[in-house]
Amino acid sequence: MSGKGYLRLQWAREHMDVMTKIREEFVSGKPLKGIKIGMALHVEAKTGIFSLLLREGGAEVRLASCNPLSSDDAVVTSLREDYSMPVYAKKGETREEYYENLNHVLDLKPNVIIDDGGDLVRIVHEERQDLIPDIIGGNEETTTGVVRLRAMEKAGFLKFPMFDVNDAKMKHFFDNRYGTGQSTLDGIMHATNLLIAGKNIVVAGYGFCGKGISMRMKGMGGNVTITEIDPVKAVEAAMDGFHVKKMNDAIRDADLLVTATGMKSVVTYEDFLVAKKGIVICNAGHFDNELDVASLEKNALEKTPVRDDVMKYKISNGNEINLISQGRLVNLASGQGHPVEIMDMSFSIQALVAKYLVEKHNELSNRVYPVPDSIDQDVAVLKLKALGLNIDSLSDEQVKYSSSWNEGT
């Protein structure tokens, strides 16, 4: 047990202090005893520790990747060989292998689904409806998947309760902002080895992920421009000190472009035609359709690999576009994903949501639920303890004052 994957798992475990506390409860109480959990997540070290935590809590677990390029093969090998964990994933899966692996997870006939991007839930509803009676619910951790779930709920198509982990405070305040910000920069640097300082950088989207990326790029000396469709977020970006432009204008002098929207066709072929020659482009959203990669492939006069994770396209007007990791999630396809301490909080929420589902599923209907505030608070308290921080609390007098309406000044 000394291979690279095993060492990465051990390093992650040693730095996931919130999950260490939850593990104590799970090992002693076995709150997931008899529960089958099917998961589609980015298969790397932090995910591995999460899957082991669920098993330590009594669950039977199967794990597949939620992205064809996001698996850490060394970690996959260690989970299989050192921990006997059923894992169906490898880096560089074909489309056929990707869906075959998801179906291997569903062959478990899970009671709980833990999803990232919504593919497991979609397959159950469209192709494997026979599994629905055994499913008590699940959770979804990313913006793209939550959008899908809300559309399913609105259409009356959702057949079991799902929790929106993405919008939990202890998830999106930190995972989406600090996690995506740091890991996106890490993926870009690993793929390109280029300097950020002095570069013109476009970030598409100013949600929490876009905020984090912009913050880190600015901190490294980049000249950052934001593109947005939401006027409120655009005003926020401007007041945070960033340039704000339409994509077709912003891309003309951009050295580097990053998408982080959860929407398709954010950068079109028409944008590529007017882009600065030699621009580097990448995507930090869940799916690879934020960039119009299909049009790059279709219209390429030449296609040349220039680094391990970078492909140069010479397109119809002679322009040159450098694409990182096929437009897949750059922080995992070219990096190691979010920092350990960030995923410690996100996976702790998901573990506690799984426990909540087991305890409360008979009280839930087929809709998308927010994570209960009590779980957010529990994770926040555990994180404060891990950081060695203490905070004040309200006195009885202050509690009375805050709930009254006729107290004078």
Protein backbone atom coordinates (compact mmCIF):
# COMPACT_ATOMS: atom_id res chain seq x y z
CA MET A 1 0.00 0.00 0.00
CA SER A 2 2.62 2.53 -1.01
CA GLY A 3 1.60 3.45 -4.55
CA LYS A 4 0.89 6.99 -5.73
CA GLY A 5 -2.87 6.61 -5.45
CA TYR A 6 -2.70 5.23 -1.92
CA LEU A 7 -0.45 8.10 -0.82
CA ARG A 8 -2.85 10.64 -2.35
CA LEU A 9 -5.75 9.05 -0.48
CA GLN A 10 -3.85 9.11 2.80
CA TRP A 11 -2.82 12.74 2.31
CA ALA A 12 -6.43 13.69 1.63
CA ARG A 13 -7.69 11.81 4.70
CA GLU A 14 -5.14 13.54 6.94
CA HIS A 15 -6.32 16.99 5.80
CA MET A 16 -10.10 16.43 5.89
CA ASP A 17 -10.74 17.41 9.50
CA VAL A 18 -14.51 17.86 9.24
CA MET A 19 -14.96 14.40 7.76
CA THR A 20 -12.74 12.97 10.50
CA LYS A 21 -15.30 14.12 13.08
CA ILE A 22 -18.20 12.80 11.01
CA ARG A 23 -16.38 9.49 10.59
CA GLU A 24 -16.41 9.00 14.38
CA GLU A 25 -20.20 9.24 14.33
CA PHE A 26 -20.57 7.06 11.24
CA VAL A 27 -18.28 4.29 12.48
CA SER A 28 -20.00 4.04 15.87
CA GLY A 29 -23.61 4.58 14.78
CA LYS A 30 -23.67 3.05 11.27
CA PRO A 31 -26.47 5.44 10.12
CA LEU A 32 -26.31 4.06 6.55
CA LYS A 33 -26.47 0.39 7.47
CA GLY A 34 -28.19 -1.63 4.75
CA ILE A 35 -28.30 1.29 2.31
CA LYS A 36 -26.97 0.98 -1.24
CA ILE A 37 -25.42 4.18 -2.61
CA GLY A 38 -24.65 4.77 -6.28
CA MET A 39 -22.35 7.70 -7.04
CA ALA A 40 -21.18 9.56 -10.14
CA LEU A 41 -18.47 12.00 -9.08
CA HIS A 42 -15.01 13.09 -10.15
CA VAL A 43 -12.96 10.09 -9.06
CA GLU A 44 -9.90 11.45 -7.31
CA ALA A 45 -8.45 11.33 -3.80
CA LYS A 46 -11.03 13.42 -1.93
CA THR A 47 -13.87 11.51 -3.56
CA GLY A 48 -12.20 8.28 -2.57
CA ILE A 49 -12.15 9.27 1.10
CA PHE A 50 -15.81 10.30 0.83
CA SER A 51 -16.78 6.92 -0.63
CA LEU A 52 -14.89 5.14 2.16
CA LEU A 53 -16.67 7.30 4.76
CA LEU A 54 -20.06 6.21 3.43
CA ARG A 55 -18.98 2.59 3.57
CA GLU A 56 -17.68 3.08 7.12
CA GLY A 57 -21.18 4.36 7.90
CA GLY A 58 -22.66 1.02 6.84
CA ALA A 59 -23.48 1.63 3.17
CA GLU A 60 -22.68 -0.51 0.16
CA VAL A 61 -21.11 1.86 -2.37
CA ARG A 62 -20.38 1.88 -6.08
CA LEU A 63 -18.59 4.76 -7.78
CA ALA A 64 -18.23 5.96 -11.39
CA SER A 65 -16.85 9.14 -12.90
CA CYS A 66 -19.13 12.03 -13.83
CA ASN A 67 -16.71 13.25 -16.51
CA PRO A 68 -14.66 11.28 -19.07
CA LEU A 69 -11.42 13.14 -18.28
CA SER A 70 -11.62 13.76 -14.53
CA SER A 71 -10.51 10.43 -13.03
CA ASP A 72 -7.17 9.96 -11.29
CA ASP A 73 -6.14 6.49 -12.47
CA ALA A 74 -3.71 6.00 -9.58
CA VAL A 75 -6.49 6.66 -7.06
CA VAL A 76 -8.89 4.39 -8.96
CA THR A 77 -6.34 1.58 -8.76
CA SER A 78 -5.77 2.09 -5.04
CA LEU A 79 -9.49 2.15 -4.25
CA ARG A 80 -9.93 -1.12 -6.11
CA GLU A 81 -6.83 -2.94 -4.90
CA ASP A 82 -6.20 -1.53 -1.42
CA TYR A 83 -9.80 -0.95 -0.33
CA SER A 84 -11.86 -3.37 -2.48
CA MET A 85 -14.08 -0.46 -3.57
CA PRO A 86 -16.11 -1.10 -6.75
CA VAL A 87 -15.00 1.77 -8.99
CA TYR A 88 -15.89 2.09 -12.67
CA ALA A 89 -13.73 4.88 -14.05
CA LYS A 90 -10.60 5.76 -15.98
CA LYS A 91 -9.14 8.95 -17.40
CA GLY A 92 -10.01 9.30 -21.08
CA GLU A 93 -13.21 7.28 -21.26
CA THR A 94 -15.01 7.05 -24.57
CA ARG A 95 -18.65 8.09 -24.63
CA GLU A 96 -19.63 4.42 -24.67
CA GLU A 97 -17.37 3.58 -21.71
CA TYR A 98 -18.67 6.56 -19.77
CA TYR A 99 -22.29 5.46 -19.98
CA GLU A 100 -21.40 1.81 -19.49
CA ASN A 101 -19.70 2.74 -16.21
CA LEU A 102 -22.70 4.74 -15.03
CA ASN A 103 -24.90 1.75 -15.71
CA HIS A 104 -22.54 -0.51 -13.74
CA VAL A 105 -23.21 1.77 -10.76
CA LEU A 106 -26.95 1.55 -11.33
CA ASP A 107 -26.73 -2.25 -11.48
CA LEU A 108 -26.29 -2.04 -7.70
CA LYS A 109 -29.98 -1.04 -7.54
CA PRO A 110 -29.14 1.91 -5.28
CA ASN A 111 -31.37 3.37 -2.60
CA VAL A 112 -29.52 6.71 -2.65
CA ILE A 113 -27.99 8.49 -5.65
CA ILE A 114 -25.16 10.97 -5.23
CA ASP A 115 -24.74 12.79 -8.53
CA ASP A 116 -22.58 15.48 -10.10
CA GLY A 117 -24.07 16.85 -13.30
CA GLY A 118 -27.28 14.84 -13.24
CA ASP A 119 -26.40 11.94 -15.53
CA LEU A 120 -27.24 9.16 -13.05
CA VAL A 121 -30.63 10.70 -12.30
CA ARG A 122 -31.33 11.24 -15.99
CA ILE A 123 -30.51 7.64 -16.91
CA VAL A 124 -32.77 6.32 -14.13
CA HIS A 125 -35.69 8.45 -15.30
CA GLU A 126 -35.25 7.83 -19.03
CA GLU A 127 -33.79 4.34 -19.34
CA ARG A 128 -33.95 2.44 -16.06
CA GLN A 129 -37.27 3.33 -14.50
CA ASP A 130 -37.49 -0.11 -12.91
CA LEU A 131 -35.00 1.16 -10.31
CA ILE A 132 -37.21 4.02 -9.11
CA PRO A 133 -39.23 2.09 -6.47
CA ASP A 134 -36.03 1.30 -4.53
CA ILE A 135 -34.63 4.85 -4.60
CA ILE A 136 -35.45 6.96 -1.52
CA GLY A 137 -33.69 10.06 -2.91
CA GLY A 138 -30.33 11.59 -3.52
CA ASN A 139 -28.28 14.74 -3.81
CA GLU A 140 -26.69 16.82 -6.56
CA GLU A 141 -23.58 18.92 -6.03
CA THR A 142 -23.11 21.10 -9.09
CA THR A 143 -24.95 23.98 -10.74
CA THR A 144 -25.52 22.15 -14.03
CA GLY A 145 -27.13 19.18 -12.31
CA VAL A 146 -29.37 21.36 -10.15
CA VAL A 147 -30.62 23.19 -13.27
CA ARG A 148 -31.55 19.81 -14.74
CA LEU A 149 -33.31 18.71 -11.56
CA ARG A 150 -35.37 21.89 -11.31
CA ALA A 151 -36.45 21.47 -14.93
CA MET A 152 -37.50 17.89 -14.15
CA GLU A 153 -39.43 19.01 -11.08
CA LYS A 154 -41.18 21.78 -13.00
CA ALA A 155 -42.21 19.29 -15.69
CA GLY A 156 -43.53 16.85 -13.08
CA PHE A 157 -40.93 14.31 -14.19
CA LEU A 158 -38.90 13.93 -10.97
CA LYS A 159 -39.80 10.64 -9.29
CA PHE A 160 -37.91 10.87 -6.00
CA PRO A 161 -36.65 13.67 -3.71
CA MET A 162 -33.27 15.27 -4.48
CA PHE A 163 -31.24 17.69 -2.38
CA ASP A 164 -29.56 20.72 -3.90
CA VAL A 165 -26.14 20.48 -2.25
CA ASN A 166 -24.70 23.04 -4.68
CA ASP A 167 -26.56 25.91 -3.02
CA ALA A 168 -25.79 24.94 0.57
CA LYS A 169 -23.94 27.84 2.20
CA MET A 170 -20.96 25.72 3.24
CA LYS A 171 -20.71 24.47 -0.34
CA HIS A 172 -21.11 27.33 -2.78
CA PHE A 173 -19.56 30.05 -0.61
CA PHE A 174 -16.34 28.04 -0.48
CA ASP A 175 -16.31 25.21 -3.04
CA ASN A 176 -17.58 27.28 -5.96
CA ARG A 177 -15.57 30.38 -5.11
CA TYR A 178 -12.31 29.38 -3.41
CA GLY A 179 -12.21 25.82 -4.70
CA THR A 180 -12.94 26.61 -8.35
CA GLY A 181 -10.81 29.74 -8.21
CA GLN A 182 -7.68 27.95 -7.06
CA SER A 183 -8.14 24.67 -8.93
CA THR A 184 -8.93 26.35 -12.26
CA LEU A 185 -5.75 28.38 -12.01
CA ASP A 186 -3.88 25.21 -11.07
CA GLY A 187 -5.24 23.34 -14.11
CA ILE A 188 -4.35 26.17 -16.50
CA MET A 189 -0.84 26.52 -15.12
CA HIS A 190 -0.25 22.76 -15.30
CA ALA A 191 -1.50 22.61 -18.89
CA THR A 192 0.29 25.68 -20.25
CA ASN A 193 3.13 26.80 -17.93
CA LEU A 194 2.32 30.37 -19.04
CA LEU A 195 2.45 33.57 -17.00
CA ILE A 196 -0.80 35.13 -15.79
CA ALA A 197 0.59 38.54 -14.86
CA GLY A 198 0.02 41.15 -17.55
CA LYS A 199 -2.27 38.94 -19.62
CA ASN A 200 -5.74 40.01 -20.77
CA ILE A 201 -8.09 37.41 -19.33
CA VAL A 202 -11.79 36.91 -20.03
CA VAL A 203 -13.96 35.07 -17.53
CA ALA A 204 -17.42 34.14 -18.81
CA GLY A 205 -19.90 34.18 -15.95
CA TYR A 206 -19.81 36.01 -12.62
CA GLY A 207 -21.55 33.51 -10.39
CA PHE A 208 -19.61 32.13 -7.44
CA CYS A 209 -17.32 30.09 -9.72
CA GLY A 210 -16.64 33.08 -11.96
CA LYS A 211 -16.03 35.27 -8.90
CA GLY A 212 -13.44 32.83 -7.61
CA ILE A 213 -11.63 32.52 -10.93
CA SER A 214 -11.62 36.30 -11.44
CA MET A 215 -10.34 36.90 -7.93
CA ARG A 216 -7.41 34.52 -8.40
CA MET A 217 -6.56 35.81 -11.89
CA LYS A 218 -6.57 39.39 -10.62
CA GLY A 219 -4.42 38.35 -7.67
CA MET A 220 -1.86 36.88 -10.08
CA GLY A 221 -1.68 40.17 -11.99
CA GLY A 222 -4.11 39.45 -14.82
CA ASN A 223 -6.22 42.15 -16.48
CA VAL A 224 -9.66 40.60 -16.08
CA THR A 225 -12.79 41.20 -18.15
CA ILE A 226 -16.15 39.63 -17.25
CA THR A 227 -18.91 38.65 -19.69
CA GLU A 228 -22.42 38.19 -18.27
CA ILE A 229 -26.09 37.92 -19.22
CA ASP A 230 -27.37 38.92 -15.75
CA PRO A 231 -27.40 42.74 -15.33
CA VAL A 232 -27.14 42.48 -11.53
CA LYS A 233 -24.03 40.30 -11.70
CA ALA A 234 -22.59 42.55 -14.40
CA VAL A 235 -22.98 45.59 -12.14
CA GLU A 236 -21.42 43.62 -9.27
CA ALA A 237 -18.44 42.70 -11.47
CA ALA A 238 -17.96 46.34 -12.47
CA MET A 239 -18.07 47.48 -8.84
CA ASP A 240 -15.60 44.74 -7.91
CA GLY A 241 -13.16 46.44 -10.26
CA PHE A 242 -13.44 44.28 -13.39
CA HIS A 243 -14.07 45.30 -16.98
CA VAL A 244 -17.44 44.16 -18.34
CA LYS A 245 -18.01 43.52 -22.05
CA LYS A 246 -19.96 41.39 -24.49
CA MET A 247 -18.15 38.19 -25.44
CA ASN A 248 -17.56 39.11 -29.08
CA ASP A 249 -15.86 42.33 -27.98
CA ALA A 250 -13.95 40.91 -25.02
CA ILE A 251 -12.39 38.02 -26.92
CA ARG A 252 -10.70 40.29 -29.49
CA ASP A 253 -7.72 41.15 -27.28
CA ALA A 254 -7.89 38.24 -24.81
CA ASP A 255 -4.81 36.12 -24.16
CA LEU A 256 -6.75 33.62 -22.04
CA LEU A 257 -10.45 32.82 -21.80
CA VAL A 258 -12.23 30.72 -19.15
CA THR A 259 -15.93 29.80 -19.18
CA ALA A 260 -17.78 29.14 -15.91
CA THR A 261 -21.49 29.45 -16.64
CA GLY A 262 -23.22 26.08 -16.82
CA MET A 263 -24.74 27.18 -20.16
CA LYS A 264 -24.04 25.85 -23.66
CA SER A 265 -22.58 27.84 -26.58
CA VAL A 266 -21.14 30.62 -24.44
CA VAL A 267 -18.28 31.05 -26.92
CA THR A 268 -19.34 30.45 -30.53
CA TYR A 269 -17.43 29.96 -33.77
CA GLU A 270 -18.18 33.58 -34.67
CA ASP A 271 -16.31 34.56 -31.51
CA PHE A 272 -13.34 32.37 -32.46
CA LEU A 273 -13.12 34.11 -35.83
CA VAL A 274 -12.44 37.48 -34.17
CA ALA A 275 -10.40 36.17 -31.22
CA LYS A 276 -6.82 37.30 -30.69
CA LYS A 277 -4.51 35.01 -32.63
CA GLY A 278 -3.02 32.38 -30.32
CA ILE A 279 -5.62 32.78 -27.58
CA VAL A 280 -5.74 30.02 -24.96
CA ILE A 281 -9.26 28.88 -24.11
CA CYS A 282 -10.62 26.52 -21.47
CA ASN A 283 -13.77 25.62 -19.59
CA ALA A 284 -14.40 25.39 -15.84
CA GLY A 285 -18.07 24.41 -16.17
CA HIS A 286 -19.32 20.86 -15.78
CA PHE A 287 -19.99 19.99 -19.43
CA ASP A 288 -17.77 20.59 -22.47
CA ASN A 289 -20.44 22.46 -24.45
CA GLU A 290 -19.76 25.95 -23.10
CA LEU A 291 -17.15 26.29 -25.86
CA ASP A 292 -18.22 25.45 -29.42
CA VAL A 293 -15.60 22.74 -29.78
CA ALA A 294 -17.64 20.97 -32.46
CA SER A 295 -17.26 23.96 -34.78
CA LEU A 296 -13.52 24.12 -34.08
CA GLU A 297 -13.24 20.49 -35.13
CA LYS A 298 -15.42 20.97 -38.17
CA ASN A 299 -13.69 24.10 -39.47
CA ALA A 300 -10.09 23.35 -38.55
CA LEU A 301 -7.62 23.70 -41.42
CA GLU A 302 -4.98 22.22 -39.13
CA LYS A 303 -5.12 20.55 -35.72
CA THR A 304 -1.84 20.21 -33.83
CA PRO A 305 -1.08 18.97 -30.29
CA VAL A 306 1.28 21.54 -28.76
CA ARG A 307 1.42 20.27 -25.17
CA ASP A 308 0.06 17.21 -23.37
CA ASP A 309 -3.27 18.91 -22.65
CA VAL A 310 -3.32 21.62 -25.33
CA MET A 311 -4.54 21.34 -28.95
CA LYS A 312 -3.93 24.17 -31.44
CA TYR A 313 -6.63 24.74 -34.09
CA LYS A 314 -5.95 26.79 -37.20
CA ILE A 315 -9.42 27.75 -38.38
CA SER A 316 -11.01 28.89 -41.63
CA ASN A 317 -9.77 32.51 -41.57
CA GLY A 318 -6.27 31.53 -40.47
CA ASN A 319 -6.81 32.33 -36.82
CA GLU A 320 -5.22 30.08 -34.19
CA ILE A 321 -7.03 28.85 -31.05
CA ASN A 322 -5.31 26.84 -28.28
CA LEU A 323 -7.82 24.59 -26.48
CA ILE A 324 -7.04 23.03 -23.09
CA SER A 325 -8.26 19.49 -22.30
CA GLN A 326 -10.81 19.26 -25.13
CA GLY A 327 -12.96 21.88 -23.41
CA ARG A 328 -13.53 19.53 -20.48
CA LEU A 329 -13.48 20.65 -16.85
CA VAL A 330 -10.01 22.20 -16.73
CA ASN A 331 -9.41 21.95 -13.00
CA LEU A 332 -9.74 18.15 -13.10
CA ALA A 333 -8.85 17.28 -16.68
CA SER A 334 -5.55 19.18 -16.33
CA GLY A 335 -5.25 19.50 -12.55
CA GLN A 336 -6.08 17.67 -9.32
CA GLY A 337 -9.42 19.31 -8.62
CA HIS A 338 -10.41 21.43 -5.65
CA PRO A 339 -8.10 21.72 -2.65
CA VAL A 340 -8.52 19.01 -0.02
CA GLU A 341 -9.92 21.30 2.68
CA ILE A 342 -12.60 22.61 0.32
CA MET A 343 -13.89 19.16 -0.63
CA ASP A 344 -13.79 18.23 3.05
CA MET A 345 -16.69 20.64 3.60
CA SER A 346 -18.59 19.75 0.41
CA PHE A 347 -18.40 15.99 0.97
CA SER A 348 -19.27 16.39 4.65
CA ILE A 349 -22.51 18.06 3.61
CA GLN A 350 -23.24 15.23 1.19
CA ALA A 351 -22.55 12.59 3.84
CA LEU A 352 -24.91 14.28 6.30
CA VAL A 353 -27.56 14.70 3.59
CA ALA A 354 -27.37 10.95 2.90
CA LYS A 355 -27.93 10.30 6.62
CA TYR A 356 -30.83 12.77 6.63
CA LEU A 357 -32.41 11.02 3.65
CA VAL A 358 -32.29 7.66 5.40
CA GLU A 359 -33.92 9.15 8.48
CA LYS A 360 -36.51 11.44 6.83
CA HIS A 361 -37.30 10.05 3.35
CA ASN A 362 -40.84 9.05 4.33
CA GLU A 363 -41.60 12.73 5.00
CA LEU A 364 -40.32 13.96 1.62
CA SER A 365 -42.09 14.41 -1.72
CA ASN A 366 -40.70 14.25 -5.26
CA ARG A 367 -39.11 17.67 -5.44
CA VAL A 368 -35.77 19.46 -5.14
CA TYR A 369 -35.01 20.39 -1.53
CA PRO A 370 -32.47 22.79 -0.09
CA VAL A 371 -29.95 21.36 2.34
CA PRO A 372 -31.40 21.79 5.87
CA ASP A 373 -29.89 24.74 7.72
CA SER A 374 -28.99 22.42 10.60
CA ILE A 375 -26.57 20.53 8.33
CA ASP A 376 -24.98 23.76 7.09
CA GLN A 377 -24.56 24.90 10.69
CA ASP A 378 -23.12 21.57 11.83
CA VAL A 379 -20.48 21.63 9.08
CA ALA A 380 -19.65 25.28 9.83
CA VAL A 381 -19.16 24.53 13.54
CA LEU A 382 -16.93 21.54 12.76
CA LYS A 383 -14.88 23.65 10.33
CA LEU A 384 -14.41 26.40 12.91
CA LYS A 385 -13.13 23.83 15.39
CA ALA A 386 -10.76 22.44 12.76
CA LEU A 387 -9.43 25.97 12.19
CA GLY A 388 -9.01 26.50 15.92
CA LEU A 389 -11.39 29.46 15.91
CA ASN A 390 -13.94 30.57 18.50
CA ILE A 391 -16.82 32.98 17.93
CA ASP A 392 -19.28 34.86 20.13
CA SER A 393 -22.89 33.85 20.77
CA LEU A 394 -25.93 35.91 21.71
CA SER A 395 -26.75 36.43 25.36
CA ASP A 396 -30.28 35.73 26.62
CA GLU A 397 -30.90 39.49 26.60
CA GLN A 398 -29.76 39.75 22.98
CA VAL A 399 -31.94 36.82 21.94
CA LYS A 400 -34.94 38.53 23.53
CA TYR A 401 -34.05 41.84 21.86
CA SER A 402 -33.69 40.26 18.41
CA SER A 403 -37.15 38.69 18.59
CA SER A 404 -39.03 41.70 19.92
CA TRP A 405 -40.66 44.53 17.99
CA ASN A 406 -41.30 47.09 20.72
CA GLU A 407 -37.87 47.43 22.30
CA GLY A 408 -36.75 51.07 22.35
CA THR A 409 -33.32 52.32 21.49
